């Protein structure tokens, strides 16, 4: 079970670079704010320049806030995000409909 730091610094950038057109089809910039031991803040650009950068980079279409434990749950099972959202464990601000497209990147 990878931690958030590994996912955002290695796994997601590899997925995006392997298929940048898939990332671009999501057409959004996401800001992830993950709290906990291996948390951090990352910007995932699935719009004009697909990739992942540490910190807040540019204007995000959608911001997602969650704990590192809940990130592990989503990382293992992307479809669990909706359940975490309804439990109040995943906070989404901005264009929440864009967040539903993340499954095609995470899955």
Protein backbone atom coordinates (compact mmCIF):
# COMPACT_ATOMS: atom_id res chain seq x y z
CA UNK A 1 0.00 0.00 0.00
CA UNK A 2 1.87 3.11 -1.21
CA UNK A 3 1.88 6.30 0.80
CA UNK A 4 0.79 9.69 -0.54
CA UNK A 5 4.37 10.93 -0.98
CA UNK A 6 5.27 7.90 -3.14
CA UNK A 7 2.07 8.22 -5.16
CA UNK A 8 2.49 11.94 -5.88
CA UNK A 9 6.25 11.93 -6.40
CA UNK A 10 6.60 8.67 -8.36
CA UNK A 11 3.48 6.69 -9.26
CA UNK A 12 1.17 9.43 -10.57
CA UNK A 13 3.89 11.21 -12.58
CA UNK A 14 4.76 7.85 -14.19
CA UNK A 15 1.09 7.17 -15.07
CA UNK A 16 0.69 10.66 -16.53
CA UNK A 17 3.89 10.52 -18.59
CA UNK A 18 2.95 7.05 -19.88
CA UNK A 19 -0.38 8.36 -21.24
CA UNK A 20 -0.51 12.18 -21.26
CA UNK A 21 -3.56 12.18 -23.57
CA UNK A 22 -5.56 10.28 -20.93
CA UNK A 23 -4.58 12.92 -18.36
CA UNK A 24 -5.44 15.78 -20.74
CA UNK A 25 -8.88 14.27 -21.36
CA UNK A 26 -9.71 14.96 -17.69
CA UNK A 27 -9.17 18.68 -18.47
CA UNK A 28 -8.67 19.96 -14.91
CA UNK A 29 -6.04 21.04 -12.40
CA UNK A 30 -6.36 19.43 -8.97
CA UNK A 31 -4.88 20.52 -5.67
CA UNK A 32 -4.46 17.75 -3.12
CA UNK A 33 -4.03 18.71 0.53
CA UNK A 34 -3.19 15.56 2.45
CA UNK A 35 -2.70 15.69 6.20
CA UNK A 36 -0.82 13.15 8.28
CA UNK A 37 2.66 11.70 8.59
CA UNK A 38 3.33 11.23 4.88
CA UNK A 39 1.03 13.99 3.72
CA UNK A 40 1.73 17.15 1.81
CA UNK A 41 0.32 19.44 -0.84
CA UNK A 42 0.54 18.58 -4.53
CA UNK A 43 -0.86 20.00 -7.75
CA UNK A 44 -1.89 17.49 -10.40
CA UNK A 45 -2.23 19.15 -13.80
CA UNK A 46 -4.47 17.19 -16.14
CA UNK A 47 -5.00 20.12 -18.46
CA UNK A 48 -2.40 22.04 -20.43
CA UNK A 49 0.87 20.63 -19.04
CA UNK A 50 0.12 17.17 -17.58
CA UNK A 51 2.20 16.38 -14.53
CA UNK A 52 2.53 16.59 -10.76
CA UNK A 53 4.29 19.30 -8.78
CA UNK A 54 4.79 19.73 -5.08
CA UNK A 55 2.88 22.59 -3.47
CA UNK A 56 0.28 24.86 -5.00
CA UNK A 57 1.10 25.52 -8.64
CA UNK A 58 -1.35 27.75 -10.45
CA UNK A 59 -5.11 27.96 -10.24
CA UNK A 60 -6.79 24.68 -9.29
CA UNK A 61 -10.20 23.76 -10.71
CA UNK A 62 -10.81 21.43 -7.78
CA UNK A 63 -9.25 21.06 -4.32
CA UNK A 64 -9.37 17.77 -2.42
CA UNK A 65 -8.55 17.55 1.28
CA UNK A 66 -8.13 14.26 3.15
CA UNK A 67 -5.85 12.37 5.54
CA UNK A 68 -2.97 10.20 4.42
CA UNK A 69 -4.85 7.12 5.71
CA UNK A 70 -7.86 7.98 3.55
CA UNK A 71 -5.53 8.58 0.58
CA UNK A 72 -4.24 5.01 1.00
CA UNK A 73 -7.83 3.78 0.85
CA UNK A 74 -8.45 5.70 -2.39
CA UNK A 75 -5.11 4.62 -3.83
CA UNK A 76 -5.99 0.96 -3.26
CA UNK A 77 -9.60 1.35 -4.41
CA UNK A 78 -10.37 4.56 -6.37
CA UNK A 79 -14.10 3.86 -6.28
CA UNK A 80 -14.02 4.30 -2.48
CA UNK A 81 -13.62 8.08 -2.92
CA UNK A 82 -17.38 8.61 -3.18
CA UNK A 83 -17.97 6.75 0.08
CA UNK A 84 -15.27 8.81 1.84
CA UNK A 85 -16.86 11.97 0.45
CA UNK A 86 -20.28 11.09 1.86
CA UNK A 87 -18.68 10.19 5.22
CA UNK A 88 -17.15 13.67 5.34
CA UNK A 89 -13.61 12.30 5.19
CA UNK A 90 -12.91 13.71 1.71
CA UNK A 91 -13.59 17.42 1.30
CA UNK A 92 -13.94 18.71 -2.24
CA UNK A 93 -14.13 22.37 -3.19
CA UNK A 94 -14.35 23.95 -6.60
CA UNK A 95 -15.67 21.92 -9.52
CA UNK A 96 -16.61 18.66 -7.78
CA UNK A 97 -17.73 17.11 -11.07
CA UNK A 98 -14.12 17.22 -12.26
CA UNK A 99 -13.12 15.15 -9.22
CA UNK A 100 -15.26 12.27 -10.50
CA UNK A 101 -12.97 12.05 -13.54
CA UNK A 102 -9.93 11.31 -11.35
CA UNK A 103 -10.87 7.65 -11.31
CA UNK A 104 -9.63 7.27 -14.89
CA UNK A 105 -6.19 8.49 -13.75
CA UNK A 106 -6.04 6.59 -10.45
CA UNK A 107 -7.65 3.36 -11.60
